[in-house]
Amino acid sequence: MLPNVDAVTERQLLGLAGLGLRARTAIVGVERVRDAARRGRLALAIVAPDAARNSLEKLLPILTAKGVQVVMGPAASSLGATAGRDSADAIGILDPELARGIRRIVQGKGRKTA
C-alpha cells in the first residue's frame, strides 16, 4: 500500500486519474475495480479512505491477493468529482504507464519544486 496523499499530491493524482478516465484506461466503482483485479487487468487502485466499510471489505482483500498496489488517497467526494459523480469509493488504473506516473507522484518523485 502506498502512503496517503497530501493536498498537492492529491491534485496531481486526480489530474492523472481524470486523464485515464477520459482515455478509458481507468475505471470507476468498487465492482468494476474488483472485476478488473480478478481478471489481472488492474495496474493500480486508488481507494477513498472514507469509503463505505462494506466496500473496503469487498475490495481490499482481492487487491491484496492479486498484488495490486493501493493508494489510500482522496476522499470519495474528490474521486467522484474526478469521475463526474457525486462520490466514488475507488478508481482503478488499467494502464501500466499511467499507474507508474501516479506511483511516482505519490512517492514524491514527480513533484516539481518552486
PDB file of N, CA and C in Angstrom:
ATOM      1  N   MET A   1       0.854  -1.177   0.000  1.00  0.00           N
ATOM      2  CA  MET A   1       0.000   0.000   0.000  1.00  0.00           C
ATOM      3  C   MET A   1       0.895   1.233   0.000  1.00  0.00           C
ATOM      4  N   LEU A   2       0.581   2.137  -0.874  1.00  0.00           N
ATOM      5  CA  LEU A   2       1.345   3.372  -0.961  1.00  0.00           C
ATOM      6  C   LEU A   2       0.826   4.354   0.076  1.00  0.00           C
ATOM      7  N   PRO A   3       1.657   5.325   0.466  1.00  0.00           N
ATOM      8  CA  PRO A   3       1.250   6.253   1.530  1.00  0.00           C
ATOM      9  C   PRO A   3       0.066   7.129   1.144  1.00  0.00           C
ATOM     10  N   ASN A   4      -0.606   7.641   2.165  1.00  0.00           N
ATOM     11  CA  ASN A   4      -1.683   8.599   1.940  1.00  0.00           C
ATOM     12  C   ASN A   4      -1.104   9.821   1.248  1.00  0.00           C
ATOM     13  N   VAL A   5      -1.978  10.615   0.655  1.00  0.00           N
ATOM     14  CA  VAL A   5      -1.502  11.747  -0.135  1.00  0.00           C
ATOM     15  C   VAL A   5      -1.841  13.078   0.521  1.00  0.00           C
ATOM     16  N   ASP A   6      -0.971  14.062   0.277  1.00  0.00           N
ATOM     17  CA  ASP A   6      -1.226  15.419   0.763  1.00  0.00           C
ATOM     18  C   ASP A   6      -2.003  16.189  -0.314  1.00  0.00           C
ATOM     19  N   ALA A   7      -2.285  17.458  -0.058  1.00  0.00           N
ATOM     20  CA  ALA A   7      -3.139  18.235  -0.953  1.00  0.00           C
ATOM     21  C   ALA A   7      -2.530  18.422  -2.345  1.00  0.00           C
ATOM     22  N   VAL A   8      -1.241  18.710  -2.417  1.00  0.00           N
ATOM     23  CA  VAL A   8      -0.585  18.914  -3.711  1.00  0.00           C
ATOM     24  C   VAL A   8      -0.568  17.608  -4.496  1.00  0.00           C
ATOM     25  N   THR A   9      -0.183  16.547  -3.820  1.00  0.00           N
ATOM     26  CA  THR A   9      -0.144  15.234  -4.458  1.00  0.00           C
ATOM     27  C   THR A   9      -1.539  14.810  -4.893  1.00  0.00           C
ATOM     28  N   GLU A  10      -2.533  15.100  -4.066  1.00  0.00           N
ATOM     29  CA  GLU A  10      -3.916  14.751  -4.404  1.00  0.00           C
ATOM     30  C   GLU A  10      -4.340  15.424  -5.706  1.00  0.00           C
ATOM     31  N   ARG A  11      -4.034  16.684  -5.864  1.00  0.00           N
ATOM     32  CA  ARG A  11      -4.413  17.405  -7.076  1.00  0.00           C
ATOM     33  C   ARG A  11      -3.758  16.770  -8.307  1.00  0.00           C
ATOM     34  N   GLN A  12      -2.474  16.432  -8.196  1.00  0.00           N
ATOM     35  CA  GLN A  12      -1.760  15.807  -9.305  1.00  0.00           C
ATOM     36  C   GLN A  12      -2.316  14.412  -9.603  1.00  0.00           C
ATOM     37  N   LEU A  13      -2.557  13.647  -8.545  1.00  0.00           N
ATOM     38  CA  LEU A  13      -3.092  12.298  -8.687  1.00  0.00           C
ATOM     39  C   LEU A  13      -4.457  12.326  -9.366  1.00  0.00           C
ATOM     40  N   LEU A  14      -5.329  13.234  -8.918  1.00  0.00           N
ATOM     41  CA  LEU A  14      -6.665  13.329  -9.509  1.00  0.00           C
ATOM     42  C   LEU A  14      -6.589  13.780 -10.961  1.00  0.00           C
ATOM     43  N   GLY A  15      -5.623  14.627 -11.278  1.00  0.00           N
ATOM     44  CA  GLY A  15      -5.434  15.048 -12.666  1.00  0.00           C
ATOM     45  C   GLY A  15      -5.091  13.864 -13.561  1.00  0.00           C
ATOM     46  N   LEU A  16      -4.165  13.027 -13.113  1.00  0.00           N
ATOM     47  CA  LEU A  16      -3.803  11.848 -13.894  1.00  0.00           C
ATOM     48  C   LEU A  16      -4.945  10.840 -13.964  1.00  0.00           C
ATOM     49  N   ALA A  17      -5.644  10.663 -12.849  1.00  0.00           N
ATOM     50  CA  ALA A  17      -6.788   9.742 -12.858  1.00  0.00           C
ATOM     51  C   ALA A  17      -7.852  10.237 -13.839  1.00  0.00           C
ATOM     52  N   GLY A  18      -8.076  11.548 -13.862  1.00  0.00           N
ATOM     53  CA  GLY A  18      -9.038  12.127 -14.807  1.00  0.00           C
ATOM     54  C   GLY A  18      -8.630  11.893 -16.248  1.00  0.00           C
ATOM     55  N   LEU A  19      -7.341  12.027 -16.534  1.00  0.00           N
ATOM     56  CA  LEU A  19      -6.850  11.733 -17.883  1.00  0.00           C
ATOM     57  C   LEU A  19      -7.113  10.268 -18.242  1.00  0.00           C
ATOM     58  N   GLY A  20      -6.844   9.392 -17.280  1.00  0.00           N
ATOM     59  CA  GLY A  20      -7.095   7.972 -17.508  1.00  0.00           C
ATOM     60  C   GLY A  20      -8.564   7.680 -17.771  1.00  0.00           C
ATOM     61  N   LEU A  21      -9.438   8.351 -17.039  1.00  0.00           N
ATOM     62  CA  LEU A  21     -10.876   8.136 -17.250  1.00  0.00           C
ATOM     63  C   LEU A  21     -11.296   8.617 -18.631  1.00  0.00           C
ATOM     64  N   ARG A  22     -10.778   9.767 -19.044  1.00  0.00           N
ATOM     65  CA  ARG A  22     -11.126  10.282 -20.372  1.00  0.00           C
ATOM     66  C   ARG A  22     -10.565   9.392 -21.482  1.00  0.00           C
ATOM     67  N   ALA A  23      -9.392   8.795 -21.238  1.00  0.00           N
ATOM     68  CA  ALA A  23      -8.767   7.918 -22.223  1.00  0.00           C
ATOM     69  C   ALA A  23      -9.284   6.474 -22.132  1.00  0.00           C
ATOM     70  N   ARG A  24     -10.158   6.240 -21.177  1.00  0.00           N
ATOM     71  CA  ARG A  24     -10.720   4.908 -20.937  1.00  0.00           C
ATOM     72  C   ARG A  24      -9.663   3.884 -20.526  1.00  0.00           C
ATOM     73  N   THR A  25      -8.647   4.382 -19.813  1.00  0.00           N
ATOM     74  CA  THR A  25      -7.631   3.484 -19.251  1.00  0.00           C
ATOM     75  C   THR A  25      -7.746   3.448 -17.734  1.00  0.00           C
ATOM     76  N   ALA A  26      -8.889   3.924 -17.250  1.00  0.00           N
ATOM     77  CA  ALA A  26      -9.204   3.880 -15.817  1.00  0.00           C
ATOM     78  C   ALA A  26     -10.691   3.589 -15.688  1.00  0.00           C
ATOM     79  N   ILE A  27     -11.055   2.993 -14.569  1.00  0.00           N
ATOM     80  CA  ILE A  27     -12.448   2.617 -14.323  1.00  0.00           C
ATOM     81  C   ILE A  27     -12.879   3.109 -12.946  1.00  0.00           C
ATOM     82  N   VAL A  28     -14.185   3.233 -12.771  1.00  0.00           N
ATOM     83  CA  VAL A  28     -14.727   3.777 -11.527  1.00  0.00           C
ATOM     84  C   VAL A  28     -15.665   2.774 -10.873  1.00  0.00           C
ATOM     85  N   GLY A  29     -15.557   2.663  -9.559  1.00  0.00           N
ATOM     86  CA  GLY A  29     -16.501   1.859  -8.798  1.00  0.00           C
ATOM     87  C   GLY A  29     -15.893   0.580  -8.261  1.00  0.00           C
ATOM     88  N   VAL A  30     -16.356   0.212  -7.099  1.00  0.00           N
ATOM     89  CA  VAL A  30     -15.832  -0.969  -6.413  1.00  0.00           C
ATOM     90  C   VAL A  30     -15.997  -2.238  -7.244  1.00  0.00           C
ATOM     91  N   GLU A  31     -17.169  -2.450  -7.798  1.00  0.00           N
ATOM     92  CA  GLU A  31     -17.408  -3.688  -8.558  1.00  0.00           C
ATOM     93  C   GLU A  31     -16.535  -3.769  -9.802  1.00  0.00           C
ATOM     94  N   ARG A  32     -16.408  -2.673 -10.531  1.00  0.00           N
ATOM     95  CA  ARG A  32     -15.578  -2.669 -11.742  1.00  0.00           C
ATOM     96  C   ARG A  32     -14.108  -2.856 -11.389  1.00  0.00           C
ATOM     97  N   VAL A  33     -13.664  -2.244 -10.306  1.00  0.00           N
ATOM     98  CA  VAL A  33     -12.266  -2.388  -9.880  1.00  0.00           C
ATOM     99  C   VAL A  33     -12.009  -3.826  -9.436  1.00  0.00           C
ATOM    100  N   ARG A  34     -12.939  -4.402  -8.687  1.00  0.00           N
ATOM    101  CA  ARG A  34     -12.797  -5.806  -8.257  1.00  0.00           C
ATOM    102  C   ARG A  34     -12.722  -6.736  -9.454  1.00  0.00           C
ATOM    103  N   ASP A  35     -13.590  -6.516 -10.435  1.00  0.00           N
ATOM    104  CA  ASP A  35     -13.621  -7.359 -11.625  1.00  0.00           C
ATOM    105  C   ASP A  35     -12.301  -7.261 -12.398  1.00  0.00           C
ATOM    106  N   ALA A  36     -11.796  -6.048 -12.562  1.00  0.00           N
ATOM    107  CA  ALA A  36     -10.525  -5.867 -13.272  1.00  0.00           C
ATOM    108  C   ALA A  36      -9.378  -6.540 -12.516  1.00  0.00           C
ATOM    109  N   ALA A  37      -9.395  -6.462 -11.197  1.00  0.00           N
ATOM    110  CA  ALA A  37      -8.358  -7.122 -10.394  1.00  0.00           C
ATOM    111  C   ALA A  37      -8.433  -8.637 -10.568  1.00  0.00           C
ATOM    112  N   ARG A  38      -9.639  -9.173 -10.518  1.00  0.00           N
ATOM    113  CA  ARG A  38      -9.821 -10.623 -10.696  1.00  0.00           C
ATOM    114  C   ARG A  38      -9.287 -11.090 -12.045  1.00  0.00           C
ATOM    115  N   ARG A  39      -9.478 -10.275 -13.068  1.00  0.00           N
ATOM    116  CA  ARG A  39      -9.050 -10.642 -14.420  1.00  0.00           C
ATOM    117  C   ARG A  39      -7.579 -10.342 -14.691  1.00  0.00           C
ATOM    118  N   GLY A  40      -6.893  -9.740 -13.704  1.00  0.00           N
ATOM    119  CA  GLY A  40      -5.483  -9.432 -13.864  1.00  0.00           C
ATOM    120  C   GLY A  40      -5.219  -8.215 -14.737  1.00  0.00           C
ATOM    121  N   ARG A  41      -6.194  -7.341 -14.888  1.00  0.00           N
ATOM    122  CA  ARG A  41      -6.067  -6.164 -15.756  1.00  0.00           C
ATOM    123  C   ARG A  41      -5.734  -4.886 -14.990  1.00  0.00           C
ATOM    124  N   LEU A  42      -5.725  -4.935 -13.679  1.00  0.00           N
ATOM    125  CA  LEU A  42      -5.591  -3.732 -12.867  1.00  0.00           C
ATOM    126  C   LEU A  42      -4.127  -3.470 -12.512  1.00  0.00           C
ATOM    127  N   ALA A  43      -3.654  -2.255 -12.815  1.00  0.00           N
ATOM    128  CA  ALA A  43      -2.272  -1.887 -12.519  1.00  0.00           C
ATOM    129  C   ALA A  43      -2.142  -1.171 -11.176  1.00  0.00           C
ATOM    130  N   LEU A  44      -3.202  -0.469 -10.748  1.00  0.00           N
ATOM    131  CA  LEU A  44      -3.165   0.317  -9.516  1.00  0.00           C
ATOM    132  C   LEU A  44      -4.597   0.636  -9.117  1.00  0.00           C
ATOM    133  N   ALA A  45      -4.838   0.744  -7.826  1.00  0.00           N
ATOM    134  CA  ALA A  45      -6.164   1.148  -7.346  1.00  0.00           C
ATOM    135  C   ALA A  45      -6.026   2.366  -6.449  1.00  0.00           C
ATOM    136  N   ILE A  46      -6.901   3.326  -6.660  1.00  0.00           N
ATOM    137  CA  ILE A  46      -6.985   4.499  -5.790  1.00  0.00           C
ATOM    138  C   ILE A  46      -8.262   4.320  -4.989  1.00  0.00           C
ATOM    139  N   VAL A  47      -8.119   4.237  -3.677  1.00  0.00           N
ATOM    140  CA  VAL A  47      -9.259   3.943  -2.814  1.00  0.00           C
ATOM    141  C   VAL A  47      -9.460   5.094  -1.828  1.00  0.00           C
ATOM    142  N   ALA A  48     -10.699   5.510  -1.702  1.00  0.00           N
ATOM    143  CA  ALA A  48     -11.038   6.584  -0.767  1.00  0.00           C
ATOM    144  C   ALA A  48     -10.964   6.061   0.662  1.00  0.00           C
ATOM    145  N   PRO A  49     -10.262   6.766   1.535  1.00  0.00           N
ATOM    146  CA  PRO A  49     -10.174   6.317   2.925  1.00  0.00           C
ATOM    147  C   PRO A  49     -11.515   6.380   3.651  1.00  0.00           C
ATOM    148  N   ASP A  50     -12.435   7.194   3.122  1.00  0.00           N
ATOM    149  CA  ASP A  50     -13.758   7.296   3.733  1.00  0.00           C
ATOM    150  C   ASP A  50     -14.796   6.442   2.997  1.00  0.00           C
ATOM    151  N   ALA A  51     -14.311   5.481   2.220  1.00  0.00           N
ATOM    152  CA  ALA A  51     -15.218   4.568   1.523  1.00  0.00           C
ATOM    153  C   ALA A  51     -16.037   3.774   2.538  1.00  0.00           C
ATOM    154  N   ALA A  52     -17.181   3.330   2.116  1.00  0.00           N
ATOM    155  CA  ALA A  52     -18.031   2.525   2.983  1.00  0.00           C
ATOM    156  C   ALA A  52     -17.264   1.282   3.445  1.00  0.00           C
ATOM    157  N   ARG A  53     -17.456   0.940   4.693  1.00  0.00           N
ATOM    158  CA  ARG A  53     -16.757  -0.213   5.265  1.00  0.00           C
ATOM    159  C   ARG A  53     -17.007  -1.477   4.442  1.00  0.00           C
ATOM    160  N   ASN A  54     -18.231  -1.675   4.013  1.00  0.00           N
ATOM    161  CA  ASN A  54     -18.577  -2.823   3.197  1.00  0.00           C
ATOM    162  C   ASN A  54     -17.779  -2.831   1.891  1.00  0.00           C
ATOM    163  N   SER A  55     -17.625  -1.657   1.286  1.00  0.00           N
ATOM    164  CA  SER A  55     -16.855  -1.551   0.044  1.00  0.00           C
ATOM    165  C   SER A  55     -15.402  -1.923   0.272  1.00  0.00           C
ATOM    166  N   LEU A  56     -14.836  -1.413   1.355  1.00  0.00           N
ATOM    167  CA  LEU A  56     -13.444  -1.735   1.665  1.00  0.00           C
ATOM    168  C   LEU A  56     -13.265  -3.227   1.931  1.00  0.00           C
ATOM    169  N   GLU A  57     -14.230  -3.828   2.631  1.00  0.00           N
ATOM    170  CA  GLU A  57     -14.144  -5.263   2.933  1.00  0.00           C
ATOM    171  C   GLU A  57     -14.261  -6.109   1.674  1.00  0.00           C
ATOM    172  N   LYS A  58     -14.962  -5.617   0.673  1.00  0.00           N
ATOM    173  CA  LYS A  58     -15.076  -6.320  -0.608  1.00  0.00           C
ATOM    174  C   LYS A  58     -13.823  -6.138  -1.459  1.00  0.00           C
ATOM    175  N   LEU A  59     -13.263  -4.946  -1.412  1.00  0.00           N
ATOM    176  CA  LEU A  59     -12.222  -4.566  -2.351  1.00  0.00           C
ATOM    177  C   LEU A  59     -10.806  -4.898  -1.896  1.00  0.00           C
ATOM    178  N   LEU A  60     -10.446  -4.513  -0.689  1.00  0.00           N
ATOM    179  CA  LEU A  60      -9.046  -4.632  -0.263  1.00  0.00           C
ATOM    180  C   LEU A  60      -8.508  -6.067  -0.267  1.00  0.00           C
ATOM    181  N   PRO A  61      -9.277  -7.075   0.154  1.00  0.00           N
ATOM    182  CA  PRO A  61      -8.727  -8.437   0.112  1.00  0.00           C
ATOM    183  C   PRO A  61      -8.362  -8.912  -1.294  1.00  0.00           C
ATOM    184  N   ILE A  62      -9.185  -8.604  -2.279  1.00  0.00           N
ATOM    185  CA  ILE A  62      -8.883  -9.050  -3.646  1.00  0.00           C
ATOM    186  C   ILE A  62      -7.675  -8.303  -4.203  1.00  0.00           C
ATOM    187  N   LEU A  63      -7.562  -7.013  -3.859  1.00  0.00           N
ATOM    188  CA  LEU A  63      -6.406  -6.246  -4.332  1.00  0.00           C
ATOM    189  C   LEU A  63      -5.129  -6.794  -3.721  1.00  0.00           C
ATOM    190  N   THR A  64      -5.176  -7.122  -2.446  1.00  0.00           N
ATOM    191  CA  THR A  64      -4.015  -7.697  -1.763  1.00  0.00           C
ATOM    192  C   THR A  64      -3.664  -9.053  -2.360  1.00  0.00           C
ATOM    193  N   ALA A  65      -4.668  -9.886  -2.559  1.00  0.00           N
ATOM    194  CA  ALA A  65      -4.447 -11.229  -3.099  1.00  0.00           C
ATOM    195  C   ALA A  65      -3.841 -11.184  -4.500  1.00  0.00           C
ATOM    196  N   LYS A  66      -4.225 -10.203  -5.278  1.00  0.00           N
ATOM    197  CA  LYS A  66      -3.732 -10.085  -6.654  1.00  0.00           C
ATOM    198  C   LYS A  66      -2.456  -9.249  -6.756  1.00  0.00           C
ATOM    199  N   GLY A  67      -1.992  -8.713  -5.629  1.00  0.00           N
ATOM    200  CA  GLY A  67      -0.759  -7.936  -5.627  1.00  0.00           C
ATOM    201  C   GLY A  67      -0.883  -6.567  -6.274  1.00  0.00           C
ATOM    202  N   VAL A  68      -2.083  -6.012  -6.255  1.00  0.00           N
ATOM    203  CA  VAL A  68      -2.312  -4.690  -6.831  1.00  0.00           C
ATOM    204  C   VAL A  68      -1.984  -3.632  -5.786  1.00  0.00           C
ATOM    205  N   GLN A  69      -1.147  -2.675  -6.157  1.00  0.00           N
ATOM    206  CA  GLN A  69      -0.832  -1.588  -5.227  1.00  0.00           C
ATOM    207  C   GLN A  69      -2.050  -0.702  -5.054  1.00  0.00           C
ATOM    208  N   VAL A  70      -2.196  -0.192  -3.833  1.00  0.00           N
ATOM    209  CA  VAL A  70      -3.334   0.641  -3.476  1.00  0.00           C
ATOM    210  C   VAL A  70      -2.837   1.978  -2.962  1.00  0.00           C
ATOM    211  N   VAL A  71      -3.426   3.043  -3.481  1.00  0.00           N
ATOM    212  CA  VAL A  71      -3.186   4.379  -2.951  1.00  0.00           C
ATOM    213  C   VAL A  71      -4.416   4.736  -2.136  1.00  0.00           C
ATOM    214  N   MET A  72      -4.239   4.894  -0.824  1.00  0.00           N
ATOM    215  CA  MET A  72      -5.320   5.380   0.025  1.00  0.00           C
ATOM    216  C   MET A  72      -5.206   6.893  -0.024  1.00  0.00           C
ATOM    217  N   GLY A  73      -6.071   7.497  -0.774  1.00  0.00           N
ATOM    218  CA  GLY A  73      -5.849   8.905  -1.021  1.00  0.00           C
ATOM    219  C   GLY A  73      -7.050   9.788  -0.863  1.00  0.00           C
ATOM    220  N   PRO A  74      -7.439  10.388  -1.957  1.00  0.00           N
ATOM    221  CA  PRO A  74      -8.503  11.384  -1.916  1.00  0.00           C
ATOM    222  C   PRO A  74      -9.810  10.820  -1.380  1.00  0.00           C
ATOM    223  N   ALA A  75     -10.605  11.711  -0.818  1.00  0.00           N
ATOM    224  CA  ALA A  75     -11.916  11.338  -0.297  1.00  0.00           C
ATOM    225  C   ALA A  75     -12.826  10.879  -1.430  1.00  0.00           C
ATOM    226  N   ALA A  76     -13.859  10.153  -1.078  1.00  0.00           N
ATOM    227  CA  ALA A  76     -14.816   9.641  -2.060  1.00  0.00           C
ATOM    228  C   ALA A  76     -15.443  10.776  -2.873  1.00  0.00           C
ATOM    229  N   SER A  77     -15.668  11.914  -2.244  1.00  0.00           N
ATOM    230  CA  SER A  77     -16.245  13.047  -2.971  1.00  0.00           C
ATOM    231  C   SER A  77     -15.268  13.564  -4.031  1.00  0.00           C
ATOM    232  N   SER A  78     -13.981  13.588  -3.736  1.00  0.00           N
ATOM    233  CA  SER A  78     -12.976  14.033  -4.710  1.00  0.00           C
ATOM    234  C   SER A  78     -12.829  13.036  -5.851  1.00  0.00           C
ATOM    235  N   LEU A  79     -12.798  11.748  -5.519  1.00  0.00           N
ATOM    236  CA  LEU A  79     -12.735  10.735  -6.573  1.00  0.00           C
ATOM    237  C   LEU A  79     -13.969  10.817  -7.458  1.00  0.00           C
ATOM    238  N   GLY A  80     -15.120  11.003  -6.830  1.00  0.00           N
ATOM    239  CA  GLY A  80     -16.359  11.117  -7.589  1.00  0.00           C
ATOM    240  C   GLY A  80     -16.362  12.324  -8.497  1.00  0.00           C
ATOM    241  N   ALA A  81     -15.901  13.459  -7.994  1.00  0.00           N
ATOM    242  CA  ALA A  81     -15.861  14.675  -8.813  1.00  0.00           C
ATOM    243  C   ALA A  81     -14.979  14.466 -10.038  1.00  0.00           C
ATOM    244  N   THR A  82     -13.887  13.762  -9.879  1.00  0.00           N
ATOM    245  CA  THR A  82     -12.993  13.469 -10.998  1.00  0.00           C
ATOM    246  C   THR A  82     -13.701  12.602 -12.037  1.00  0.00           C
ATOM    247  N   ALA A  83     -14.577  11.736 -11.560  1.00  0.00           N
ATOM    248  CA  ALA A  83     -15.282  10.811 -12.456  1.00  0.00           C
ATOM    249  C   ALA A  83     -16.648  11.331 -12.894  1.00  0.00           C
ATOM    250  N   GLY A  84     -16.996  12.552 -12.489  1.00  0.00           N
ATOM    251  CA  GLY A  84     -18.293  13.099 -12.869  1.00  0.00           C
ATOM    252  C   GLY A  84     -19.451  12.522 -12.079  1.00  0.00           C
ATOM    253  N   ARG A  85     -19.170  12.115 -10.846  1.00  0.00           N
ATOM    254  CA  ARG A  85     -20.201  11.537  -9.973  1.00  0.00           C
ATOM    255  C   ARG A  85     -20.204  12.291  -8.648  1.00  0.00           C
ATOM    256  N   ASP A  86     -21.219  12.013  -7.840  1.00  0.00           N
ATOM    257  CA  ASP A  86     -21.252  12.616  -6.504  1.00  0.00           C
ATOM    258  C   ASP A  86     -20.123  12.071  -5.640  1.00  0.00           C
ATOM    259  N   SER A  87     -19.919  10.766  -5.715  1.00  0.00           N
ATOM    260  CA  SER A  87     -18.828  10.151  -4.968  1.00  0.00           C
ATOM    261  C   SER A  87     -18.438   8.836  -5.634  1.00  0.00           C
ATOM    262  N   ALA A  88     -17.236   8.394  -5.330  1.00  0.00           N
ATOM    263  CA  ALA A  88     -16.739   7.112  -5.834  1.00  0.00           C
ATOM    264  C   ALA A  88     -15.785   6.557  -4.784  1.00  0.00           C
ATOM    265  N   ASP A  89     -15.965   5.311  -4.429  1.00  0.00           N
ATOM    266  CA  ASP A  89     -15.111   4.693  -3.422  1.00  0.00           C
ATOM    267  C   ASP A  89     -13.768   4.259  -3.984  1.00  0.00           C
ATOM    268  N   ALA A  90     -13.700   4.031  -5.308  1.00  0.00           N
ATOM    269  CA  ALA A  90     -12.449   3.560  -5.900  1.00  0.00           C
ATOM    270  C   ALA A  90     -12.366   3.905  -7.377  1.00  0.00           C
ATOM    271  N   ILE A  91     -11.140   4.126  -7.810  1.00  0.00           N
ATOM    272  CA  ILE A  91     -10.824   4.263  -9.228  1.00  0.00           C
ATOM    273  C   ILE A  91      -9.704   3.273  -9.504  1.00  0.00           C
ATOM    274  N   GLY A  92      -9.863   2.497 -10.539  1.00  0.00           N
ATOM    275  CA  GLY A  92      -8.845   1.531 -10.933  1.00  0.00           C
ATOM    276  C   GLY A  92      -8.108   2.023 -12.164  1.00  0.00           C
ATOM    277  N   ILE A  93      -6.807   1.887 -12.156  1.00  0.00           N
ATOM    278  CA  ILE A  93      -5.976   2.287 -13.284  1.00  0.00           C
ATOM    279  C   ILE A  93      -5.577   1.020 -14.041  1.00  0.00           C
ATOM    280  N   LEU A  94      -5.926   0.978 -15.316  1.00  0.00           N
ATOM    281  CA  LEU A  94      -5.648  -0.191 -16.141  1.00  0.00           C
ATOM    282  C   LEU A  94      -4.300  -0.090 -16.857  1.00  0.00           C
ATOM    283  N   ASP A  95      -3.912   1.118 -17.225  1.00  0.00           N
ATOM    284  CA  ASP A  95      -2.695   1.340 -17.998  1.00  0.00           C
ATOM    285  C   ASP A  95      -1.460   1.330 -17.094  1.00  0.00           C
ATOM    286  N   PRO A  96      -0.495   0.444 -17.359  1.00  0.00           N
ATOM    287  CA  PRO A  96       0.695   0.369 -16.505  1.00  0.00           C
ATOM    288  C   PRO A  96       1.519   1.665 -16.482  1.00  0.00           C
ATOM    289  N   GLU A  97       1.595   2.364 -17.594  1.00  0.00           N
ATOM    290  CA  GLU A  97       2.361   3.616 -17.639  1.00  0.00           C
ATOM    291  C   GLU A  97       1.692   4.697 -16.806  1.00  0.00           C
ATOM    292  N   LEU A  98       0.385   4.788 -16.885  1.00  0.00           N
ATOM    293  CA  LEU A  98      -0.346   5.748 -16.072  1.00  0.00           C
ATOM    294  C   LEU A  98      -0.182   5.403 -14.591  1.00  0.00           C
ATOM    295  N   ALA A  99      -0.258   4.126 -14.274  1.00  0.00           N
ATOM    296  CA  ALA A  99      -0.059   3.681 -12.887  1.00  0.00           C
ATOM    297  C   ALA A  99       1.340   4.050 -12.401  1.00  0.00           C
ATOM    298  N   ARG A 100       2.328   3.900 -13.259  1.00  0.00           N
ATOM    299  CA  ARG A 100       3.705   4.247 -12.892  1.00  0.00           C
ATOM    300  C   ARG A 100       3.811   5.746 -12.599  1.00  0.00           C
ATOM    301  N   GLY A 101       3.157   6.570 -13.406  1.00  0.00           N
ATOM    302  CA  GLY A 101       3.163   8.010 -13.175  1.00  0.00           C
ATOM    303  C   GLY A 101       2.517   8.386 -11.859  1.00  0.00           C
ATOM    304  N   ILE A 102       1.415   7.738 -11.544  1.00  0.00           N
ATOM    305  CA  ILE A 102       0.740   8.006 -10.267  1.00  0.00           C
ATOM    306  C   ILE A 102       1.614   7.570  -9.100  1.00  0.00           C
ATOM    307  N   ARG A 103       2.242   6.411  -9.219  1.00  0.00           N
ATOM    308  CA  ARG A 103       3.143   5.947  -8.156  1.00  0.00           C
ATOM    309  C   ARG A 103       4.272   6.944  -7.912  1.00  0.00           C
ATOM    310  N   ARG A 104       4.835   7.463  -8.987  1.00  0.00           N
ATOM    311  CA  ARG A 104       5.928   8.446  -8.858  1.00  0.00           C
ATOM    312  C   ARG A 104       5.460   9.690  -8.120  1.00  0.00           C
ATOM    313  N   ILE A 105       4.262  10.165  -8.460  1.00  0.00           N
ATOM    314  CA  ILE A 105       3.727  11.350  -7.795  1.00  0.00           C
ATOM    315  C   ILE A 105       3.519  11.067  -6.304  1.00  0.00           C
ATOM    316  N   VAL A 106       2.914   9.939  -5.999  1.00  0.00           N
ATOM    317  CA  VAL A 106       2.601   9.603  -4.608  1.00  0.00           C
ATOM    318  C   VAL A 106       3.879   9.403  -3.796  1.00  0.00           C
ATOM    319  N   GLN A 107       4.895   8.865  -4.418  1.00  0.00           N
ATOM    320  CA  GLN A 107       6.152   8.633  -3.717  1.00  0.00           C
ATOM    321  C   GLN A 107       7.042   9.879  -3.681  1.00  0.00           C
ATOM    322  N   GLY A 108       6.558  10.982  -4.271  1.00  0.00           N
ATOM    323  CA  GLY A 108       7.274  12.244  -4.194  1.00  0.00           C
ATOM    324  C   GLY A 108       8.301  12.486  -5.273  1.00  0.00           C
ATOM    325  N   LYS A 109       8.387  11.611  -6.253  1.00  0.00           N
ATOM    326  CA  LYS A 109       9.401  11.755  -7.293  1.00  0.00           C
ATOM    327  C   LYS A 109       8.913  12.589  -8.474  1.00  0.00           C
ATOM    328  N   GLY A 110       7.618  12.810  -8.536  1.00  0.00           N
ATOM    329  CA  GLY A 110       7.080  13.529  -9.670  1.00  0.00           C
ATOM    330  C   GLY A 110       6.795  14.993  -9.366  1.00  0.00           C
ATOM    331  N   ARG A 111       7.050  15.422  -8.150  1.00  0.00           N
ATOM    332  CA  ARG A 111       6.733  16.785  -7.757  1.00  0.00           C
ATOM    333  C   ARG A 111       7.738  17.779  -8.292  1.00  0.00           C
ATOM    334  N   LYS A 112       7.215  18.895  -8.728  1.00  0.00           N
ATOM    335  CA  LYS A 112       8.080  19.990  -9.148  1.00  0.00           C
ATOM    336  C   LYS A 112       8.281  20.906  -7.956  1.00  0.00           C
ATOM    337  N   THR A 113       9.497  21.371  -7.785  1.00  0.00           N
ATOM    338  CA  THR A 113       9.756  22.295  -6.679  1.00  0.00           C
ATOM    339  C   THR A 113       9.870  23.695  -7.226  1.00  0.00           C
ATOM    340  N   ALA A 114       9.456  24.673  -6.426  1.00  0.00           N
ATOM    341  CA  ALA A 114       9.470  26.056  -6.885  1.00  0.00           C
ATOM    342  C   ALA A 114      10.827  26.678  -6.708  1.00  0.00           C
TER     343      ALA A 114
END
